[in-house]
Amino acid sequence: VQLLHAWAYVPPGAAFRLRDDPPDDGWPRLVTRVD
């Protein structure tokens, strides 16, 4: 159990990406945007 402080990040607009993230069932997963 962790006791943490964080803050909410809200992006200013839609995240720009060059391409869609390819399907990947493995973890940790490399992504180019946060969904």
All heavy atoms as atom14 arrays in JSON, in Angstrom:
{
  "sequence": "VQLLHAWAYVPPGAAFRLRDDPPDDGWPRLVTRVD",
  "atom14_mask": [
    [1, 1, 1, 1, 1, 1, 1, 0, 0, 0, 0, 0, 0, 0],
    [1, 1, 1, 1, 1, 1, 1, 1, 1, 0, 0, 0, 0, 0],
    [1, 1, 1, 1, 1, 1, 1, 1, 0, 0, 0, 0, 0, 0],
    [1, 1, 1, 1, 1, 1, 1, 1, 0, 0, 0, 0, 0, 0],
    [1, 1, 1, 1, 1, 1, 1, 1, 1, 1, 0, 0, 0, 0],
    [1, 1, 1, 1, 1, 0, 0, 0, 0, 0, 0, 0, 0, 0],
    [1, 1, 1, 1, 1, 1, 1, 1, 1, 1, 1, 1, 1, 1],
    [1, 1, 1, 1, 1, 0, 0, 0, 0, 0, 0, 0, 0, 0],
    [1, 1, 1, 1, 1, 1, 1, 1, 1, 1, 1, 1, 0, 0],
    [1, 1, 1, 1, 1, 1, 1, 0, 0, 0, 0, 0, 0, 0],
    [1, 1, 1, 1, 1, 1, 1, 0, 0, 0, 0, 0, 0, 0],
    [1, 1, 1, 1, 1, 1, 1, 0, 0, 0, 0, 0, 0, 0],
    [1, 1, 1, 1, 0, 0, 0, 0, 0, 0, 0, 0, 0, 0],
    [1, 1, 1, 1, 1, 0, 0, 0, 0, 0, 0, 0, 0, 0],
    [1, 1, 1, 1, 1, 0, 0, 0, 0, 0, 0, 0, 0, 0],
    [1, 1, 1, 1, 1, 1, 1, 1, 1, 1, 1, 0, 0, 0],
    [1, 1, 1, 1, 1, 1, 1, 1, 1, 1, 1, 0, 0, 0],
    [1, 1, 1, 1, 1, 1, 1, 1, 0, 0, 0, 0, 0, 0],
    [1, 1, 1, 1, 1, 1, 1, 1, 1, 1, 1, 0, 0, 0],
    [1, 1, 1, 1, 1, 1, 1, 1, 0, 0, 0, 0, 0, 0],
    [1, 1, 1, 1, 1, 1, 1, 1, 0, 0, 0, 0, 0, 0],
    [1, 1, 1, 1, 1, 1, 1, 0, 0, 0, 0, 0, 0, 0],
    [1, 1, 1, 1, 1, 1, 1, 0, 0, 0, 0, 0, 0, 0],
    [1, 1, 1, 1, 1, 1, 1, 1, 0, 0, 0, 0, 0, 0],
    [1, 1, 1, 1, 1, 1, 1, 1, 0, 0, 0, 0, 0, 0],
    [1, 1, 1, 1, 0, 0, 0, 0, 0, 0, 0, 0, 0, 0],
    [1, 1, 1, 1, 1, 1, 1, 1, 1, 1, 1, 1, 1, 1],
    [1, 1, 1, 1, 1, 1, 1, 0, 0, 0, 0, 0, 0, 0],
    [1, 1, 1, 1, 1, 1, 1, 1, 1, 1, 1, 0, 0, 0],
    [1, 1, 1, 1, 1, 1, 1, 1, 0, 0, 0, 0, 0, 0],
    [1, 1, 1, 1, 1, 1, 1, 0, 0, 0, 0, 0, 0, 0],
    [1, 1, 1, 1, 1, 1, 1, 0, 0, 0, 0, 0, 0, 0],
    [1, 1, 1, 1, 1, 1, 1, 1, 1, 1, 1, 0, 0, 0],
    [1, 1, 1, 1, 1, 1, 1, 0, 0, 0, 0, 0, 0, 0],
    [1, 1, 1, 1, 1, 1, 1, 1, 0, 0, 0, 0, 0, 0]
  ],
  "atom14_positions": [
    [[0.84, -1.2, 0.0], [0.0, 0.0, 0.0], [0.88, 1.25, 0.0], [1.82, 1.35, 0.78], [-0.94, 0.0, 1.22], [-1.73, 1.3, 1.29], [-1.87, -1.2, 1.17], [0.0, 0.0, 0.0], [0.0, 0.0, 0.0], [0.0, 0.0, 0.0], [0.0, 0.0, 0.0], [0.0, 0.0, 0.0], [0.0, 0.0, 0.0], [0.0, 0.0, 0.0]],
    [[0.52, 2.18, -0.88], [1.28, 3.42, -1.04], [0.38, 4.62, -0.7], [-0.81, 4.63, -1.02], [1.78, 3.57, -2.48], [2.61, 2.41, -3.0], [3.94, 2.32, -2.32], [4.63, 3.33, -2.14], [4.33, 1.11, -1.92], [0.0, 0.0, 0.0], [0.0, 0.0, 0.0], [0.0, 0.0, 0.0], [0.0, 0.0, 0.0], [0.0, 0.0, 0.0]],
    [[0.98, 5.61, -0.07], [0.3, 6.88, 0.19], [1.02, 7.94, -0.65], [2.17, 8.28, -0.39], [0.37, 7.25, 1.67], [-0.42, 8.5, 2.1], [-1.91, 8.31, 1.86], [-0.14, 8.84, 3.55], [0.0, 0.0, 0.0], [0.0, 0.0, 0.0], [0.0, 0.0, 0.0], [0.0, 0.0, 0.0], [0.0, 0.0, 0.0], [0.0, 0.0, 0.0]],
    [[0.33, 8.46, -1.68], [0.97, 9.3, -2.69], [0.19, 10.59, -2.91], [-1.03, 10.64, -2.69], [1.09, 8.55, -4.02], [1.8, 7.19, -4.0], [1.63, 6.49, -5.33], [3.27, 7.38, -3.67], [0.0, 0.0, 0.0], [0.0, 0.0, 0.0], [0.0, 0.0, 0.0], [0.0, 0.0, 0.0], [0.0, 0.0, 0.0], [0.0, 0.0, 0.0]],
    [[0.91, 11.59, -3.39], [0.29, 12.84, -3.85], [0.52, 12.94, -5.35], [1.64, 12.7, -5.84], [0.89, 14.05, -3.15], [0.51, 14.15, -1.71], [1.3, 13.67, -0.7], [-0.59, 14.68, -1.1], [0.72, 13.89, 0.47], [-0.42, 14.51, 0.25], [0.0, 0.0, 0.0], [0.0, 0.0, 0.0], [0.0, 0.0, 0.0], [0.0, 0.0, 0.0]],
    [[-0.52, 13.31, -6.07], [-0.44, 13.46, -7.51], [-1.31, 14.64, -7.92], [-2.0, 15.24, -7.08], [-0.88, 12.18, -8.22], [0.0, 0.0, 0.0], [0.0, 0.0, 0.0], [0.0, 0.0, 0.0], [0.0, 0.0, 0.0], [0.0, 0.0, 0.0], [0.0, 0.0, 0.0], [0.0, 0.0, 0.0], [0.0, 0.0, 0.0], [0.0, 0.0, 0.0]],
    [[-1.27, 14.97, -9.19], [-2.15, 16.02, -9.7], [-2.71, 15.59, -11.05], [-2.1, 14.83, -11.8], [-1.43, 17.36, -9.8], [-0.16, 17.37, -10.6], [1.09, 17.02, -10.16], [0.0, 17.73, -11.97], [2.01, 17.15, -11.16], [1.38, 17.59, -12.28], [-0.87, 18.18, -12.96], [1.89, 17.87, -13.55], [-0.35, 18.46, -14.22], [1.0, 18.32, -14.51]],
    [[-3.93, 16.05, -11.32], [-4.66, 15.63, -12.52], [-4.16, 16.4, -13.73], [-4.15, 17.64, -13.74], [-6.15, 15.85, -12.34], [0.0, 0.0, 0.0], [0.0, 0.0, 0.0], [0.0, 0.0, 0.0], [0.0, 0.0, 0.0], [0.0, 0.0, 0.0], [0.0, 0.0, 0.0], [0.0, 0.0, 0.0], [0.0, 0.0, 0.0], [0.0, 0.0, 0.0]],
    [[-3.76, 15.65, -14.74], [-3.31, 16.27, -15.98], [-4.42, 16.16, -17.02], [-4.94, 15.07, -17.29], [-2.06, 15.58, -16.51], [-1.65, 16.02, -17.9], [-1.17, 17.31, -18.12], [-1.79, 15.17, -18.98], [-0.81, 17.73, -19.39], [-1.44, 15.59, -20.26], [-0.95, 16.86, -20.47], [-0.61, 17.27, -21.73], [0.0, 0.0, 0.0], [0.0, 0.0, 0.0]],
    [[-4.78, 17.3, -17.59], [-5.77, 17.35, -18.67], [-5.09, 17.94, -19.88], [-4.68, 19.11, -19.86], [-7.0, 18.19, -18.27], [-7.97, 18.29, -19.43], [-7.68, 17.59, -17.05], [0.0, 0.0, 0.0], [0.0, 0.0, 0.0], [0.0, 0.0, 0.0], [0.0, 0.0, 0.0], [0.0, 0.0, 0.0], [0.0, 0.0, 0.0], [0.0, 0.0, 0.0]],
    [[-4.9, 17.17, -20.97], [-4.2, 17.72, -22.15], [-4.99, 18.86, -22.77], [-6.23, 18.88, -22.71], [-4.11, 16.51, -23.09], [-5.2, 15.58, -22.65], [-5.34, 15.79, -21.16], [0.0, 0.0, 0.0], [0.0, 0.0, 0.0], [0.0, 0.0, 0.0], [0.0, 0.0, 0.0], [0.0, 0.0, 0.0], [0.0, 0.0, 0.0], [0.0, 0.0, 0.0]],
    [[-4.3, 19.84, -23.35], [-4.98, 21.01, -23.92], [-5.81, 20.69, -25.15], [-6.69, 21.43, -25.52], [-3.83, 21.96, -24.27], [-2.64, 21.06, -24.43], [-2.83, 19.94, -23.45], [0.0, 0.0, 0.0], [0.0, 0.0, 0.0], [0.0, 0.0, 0.0], [0.0, 0.0, 0.0], [0.0, 0.0, 0.0], [0.0, 0.0, 0.0], [0.0, 0.0, 0.0]],
    [[-5.53, 19.57, -25.82], [-6.27, 19.21, -27.02], [-6.05, 17.75, -27.34], [-5.45, 17.01, -26.55], [0.0, 0.0, 0.0], [0.0, 0.0, 0.0], [0.0, 0.0, 0.0], [0.0, 0.0, 0.0], [0.0, 0.0, 0.0], [0.0, 0.0, 0.0], [0.0, 0.0, 0.0], [0.0, 0.0, 0.0], [0.0, 0.0, 0.0], [0.0, 0.0, 0.0]],
    [[-6.54, 17.33, -28.49], [-6.36, 15.94, -28.89], [-4.89, 15.66, -29.1], [-4.16, 16.46, -29.69], [-7.14, 15.66, -30.18], [0.0, 0.0, 0.0], [0.0, 0.0, 0.0], [0.0, 0.0, 0.0], [0.0, 0.0, 0.0], [0.0, 0.0, 0.0], [0.0, 0.0, 0.0], [0.0, 0.0, 0.0], [0.0, 0.0, 0.0], [0.0, 0.0, 0.0]],
    [[-4.45, 14.52, -28.62], [-3.04, 14.15, -28.75], [-2.67, 13.9, -30.2], [-3.35, 13.17, -30.91], [-2.76, 12.9, -27.91], [0.0, 0.0, 0.0], [0.0, 0.0, 0.0], [0.0, 0.0, 0.0], [0.0, 0.0, 0.0], [0.0, 0.0, 0.0], [0.0, 0.0, 0.0], [0.0, 0.0, 0.0], [0.0, 0.0, 0.0], [0.0, 0.0, 0.0]],
    [[-1.61, 14.53, -30.65], [-1.14, 14.34, -32.03], [-0.31, 13.07, -32.1], [0.5, 12.78, -31.23], [-0.28, 15.54, -32.46], [0.38, 15.34, -33.8], [-0.35, 15.49, -34.96], [1.71, 15.0, -33.88], [0.26, 15.31, -36.19], [2.33, 14.82, -35.1], [1.6, 14.98, -36.25], [0.0, 0.0, 0.0], [0.0, 0.0, 0.0], [0.0, 0.0, 0.0]],
    [[-0.53, 12.29, -33.12], [0.27, 11.08, -33.3], [0.51, 10.87, -34.78], [-0.33, 11.18, -35.63], [-0.4, 9.86, -32.68], [-1.74, 9.47, -33.31], [-2.37, 8.3, -32.53], [-3.53, 7.75, -33.2], [-4.76, 8.23, -33.09], [-4.97, 9.29, -32.34], [-5.76, 7.68, -33.72], [0.0, 0.0, 0.0], [0.0, 0.0, 0.0], [0.0, 0.0, 0.0]],
    [[1.65, 10.29, -35.12], [2.01, 10.04, -36.5], [1.29, 8.82, -37.05], [1.03, 8.72, -38.24], [3.52, 9.85, -36.62], [4.37, 11.06, -36.24], [5.85, 10.7, -36.32], [4.06, 12.24, -37.13], [0.0, 0.0, 0.0], [0.0, 0.0, 0.0], [0.0, 0.0, 0.0], [0.0, 0.0, 0.0], [0.0, 0.0, 0.0], [0.0, 0.0, 0.0]],
    [[0.96, 7.87, -36.19], [0.32, 6.63, -36.62], [-0.41, 6.04, -35.43], [-0.13, 6.37, -34.3], [1.37, 5.64, -37.13], [2.37, 5.25, -36.06], [3.5, 4.4, -36.61], [4.4, 3.98, -35.55], [5.35, 4.73, -35.02], [5.52, 5.96, -35.44], [6.12, 4.27, -34.05], [0.0, 0.0, 0.0], [0.0, 0.0, 0.0], [0.0, 0.0, 0.0]],
    [[-1.33, 5.14, -35.73], [-2.0, 4.43, -34.65], [-1.04, 3.44, -34.01], [-0.16, 2.88, -34.67], [-3.23, 3.67, -35.18], [-4.35, 4.62, -35.58], [-4.46, 5.69, -34.96], [-5.08, 4.3, -36.53], [0.0, 0.0, 0.0], [0.0, 0.0, 0.0], [0.0, 0.0, 0.0], [0.0, 0.0, 0.0], [0.0, 0.0, 0.0], [0.0, 0.0, 0.0]],
    [[-1.21, 3.22, -32.71], [-0.38, 2.23, -32.03], [-0.71, 0.85, -32.56], [-1.89, 0.47, -32.63], [-0.62, 2.28, -30.53], [-0.18, 3.61, -29.93], [0.82, 4.15, -30.42], [-0.86, 4.1, -29.02], [0.0, 0.0, 0.0], [0.0, 0.0, 0.0], [0.0, 0.0, 0.0], [0.0, 0.0, 0.0], [0.0, 0.0, 0.0], [0.0, 0.0, 0.0]],
    [[0.29, 0.07, -32.94], [0.01, -1.28, -33.44], [-0.51, -2.17, -32.34], [-0.21, -1.96, -31.16], [1.4, -1.75, -33.93], [2.37, -0.97, -33.12], [1.73, 0.37, -32.9], [0.0, 0.0, 0.0], [0.0, 0.0, 0.0], [0.0, 0.0, 0.0], [0.0, 0.0, 0.0], [0.0, 0.0, 0.0], [0.0, 0.0, 0.0], [0.0, 0.0, 0.0]],
    [[-1.34, -3.16, -32.69], [-1.84, -4.08, -31.66], [-0.68, -4.76, -30.93], [0.29, -5.19, -31.54], [-2.65, -5.11, -32.48], [-2.97, -4.39, -33.77], [-1.83, -3.48, -34.03], [0.0, 0.0, 0.0], [0.0, 0.0, 0.0], [0.0, 0.0, 0.0], [0.0, 0.0, 0.0], [0.0, 0.0, 0.0], [0.0, 0.0, 0.0], [0.0, 0.0, 0.0]],
    [[-0.8, -4.83, -29.62], [0.26, -5.41, -28.81], [-0.35, -6.0, -27.55], [-0.95, -5.28, -26.76], [1.3, -4.34, -28.47], [2.5, -4.92, -27.73], [2.52, -6.13, -27.51], [3.39, -4.13, -27.36], [0.0, 0.0, 0.0], [0.0, 0.0, 0.0], [0.0, 0.0, 0.0], [0.0, 0.0, 0.0], [0.0, 0.0, 0.0], [0.0, 0.0, 0.0]],
    [[-0.2, -7.3, -27.39], [-0.76, -7.97, -26.22], [0.25, -8.11, -25.1], [-0.06, -8.61, -24.03], [-1.29, -9.36, -26.61], [-2.47, -9.26, -27.58], [-3.22, -8.27, -27.49], [-2.61, -10.17, -28.43], [0.0, 0.0, 0.0], [0.0, 0.0, 0.0], [0.0, 0.0, 0.0], [0.0, 0.0, 0.0], [0.0, 0.0, 0.0], [0.0, 0.0, 0.0]],
    [[1.49, -7.69, -25.36], [2.52, -7.83, -24.35], [2.58, -6.64, -23.42], [2.1, -5.55, -23.74], [0.0, 0.0, 0.0], [0.0, 0.0, 0.0], [0.0, 0.0, 0.0], [0.0, 0.0, 0.0], [0.0, 0.0, 0.0], [0.0, 0.0, 0.0], [0.0, 0.0, 0.0], [0.0, 0.0, 0.0], [0.0, 0.0, 0.0], [0.0, 0.0, 0.0]],
    [[3.15, -6.86, -22.24], [3.33, -5.82, -21.24], [4.78, -5.84, -20.77], [5.35, -6.92, -20.64], [2.39, -6.02, -20.06], [0.94, -6.0, -20.45], [0.17, -7.07, -20.76], [0.09, -4.85, -20.58], [-1.11, -6.69, -21.07], [-1.18, -5.32, -20.97], [0.29, -3.47, -20.41], [-2.26, -4.47, -21.18], [-0.79, -2.63, -20.62], [-2.04, -3.12, -21.0]],
    [[5.38, -4.71, -20.47], [4.84, -3.34, -20.63], [4.63, -3.0, -22.09], [5.35, -3.49, -22.96], [5.91, -2.47, -19.98], [7.16, -3.25, -20.06], [6.76, -4.69, -19.94], [0.0, 0.0, 0.0], [0.0, 0.0, 0.0], [0.0, 0.0, 0.0], [0.0, 0.0, 0.0], [0.0, 0.0, 0.0], [0.0, 0.0, 0.0], [0.0, 0.0, 0.0]],
    [[3.67, -2.14, -22.34], [3.24, -1.82, -23.71], [3.77, -0.45, -24.12], [3.59, 0.54, -23.39], [1.72, -1.86, -23.8], [1.16, -1.56, -25.18], [-0.32, -1.86, -25.21], [-0.56, -3.28, -24.93], [-1.78, -3.78, -24.71], [-2.83, -2.99, -24.7], [-1.91, -5.07, -24.48], [0.0, 0.0, 0.0], [0.0, 0.0, 0.0], [0.0, 0.0, 0.0]],
    [[4.41, -0.39, -25.27], [4.92, 0.87, -25.81], [3.82, 1.56, -26.6], [3.25, 0.97, -27.53], [6.13, 0.61, -26.7], [6.89, 1.84, -27.22], [7.55, 2.58, -26.07], [7.93, 1.42, -28.26], [0.0, 0.0, 0.0], [0.0, 0.0, 0.0], [0.0, 0.0, 0.0], [0.0, 0.0, 0.0], [0.0, 0.0, 0.0], [0.0, 0.0, 0.0]],
    [[3.48, 2.81, -26.25], [2.4, 3.54, -26.89], [2.9, 4.93, -27.29], [3.9, 5.42, -26.77], [1.16, 3.67, -25.98], [0.59, 2.29, -25.64], [1.5, 4.43, -24.7], [0.0, 0.0, 0.0], [0.0, 0.0, 0.0], [0.0, 0.0, 0.0], [0.0, 0.0, 0.0], [0.0, 0.0, 0.0], [0.0, 0.0, 0.0], [0.0, 0.0, 0.0]],
    [[2.2, 5.55, -28.2], [2.53, 6.91, -28.62], [1.49, 7.93, -28.16], [1.62, 9.11, -28.43], [2.67, 7.0, -30.15], [1.45, 6.54, -30.76], [3.82, 6.12, -30.64], [0.0, 0.0, 0.0], [0.0, 0.0, 0.0], [0.0, 0.0, 0.0], [0.0, 0.0, 0.0], [0.0, 0.0, 0.0], [0.0, 0.0, 0.0], [0.0, 0.0, 0.0]],
    [[0.46, 7.47, -27.49], [-0.55, 8.36, -26.91], [-1.18, 7.67, -25.71], [-1.11, 6.44, -25.57], [-1.63, 8.75, -27.93], [-2.49, 7.59, -28.38], [-3.43, 7.97, -29.5], [-4.25, 6.85, -29.91], [-5.51, 6.65, -29.54], [-6.08, 7.52, -28.72], [-6.19, 5.6, -29.96], [0.0, 0.0, 0.0], [0.0, 0.0, 0.0], [0.0, 0.0, 0.0]],
    [[-1.82, 8.45, -24.86], [-2.45, 7.91, -23.66], [-3.96, 7.87, -23.89], [-4.6, 8.9, -24.11], [-2.12, 8.78, -22.43], [-2.85, 8.23, -21.2], [-0.62, 8.8, -22.18], [0.0, 0.0, 0.0], [0.0, 0.0, 0.0], [0.0, 0.0, 0.0], [0.0, 0.0, 0.0], [0.0, 0.0, 0.0], [0.0, 0.0, 0.0], [0.0, 0.0, 0.0]],
    [[-4.53, 6.66, -23.83], [-5.97, 6.47, -23.97], [-6.45, 5.78, -22.69], [-6.51, 4.55, -22.62], [-6.27, 5.63, -25.21], [-7.77, 5.42, -25.43], [-8.57, 6.03, -24.69], [-8.15, 4.65, -26.33], [0.0, 0.0, 0.0], [0.0, 0.0, 0.0], [0.0, 0.0, 0.0], [0.0, 0.0, 0.0], [0.0, 0.0, 0.0], [0.0, 0.0, 0.0]]
  ]
}
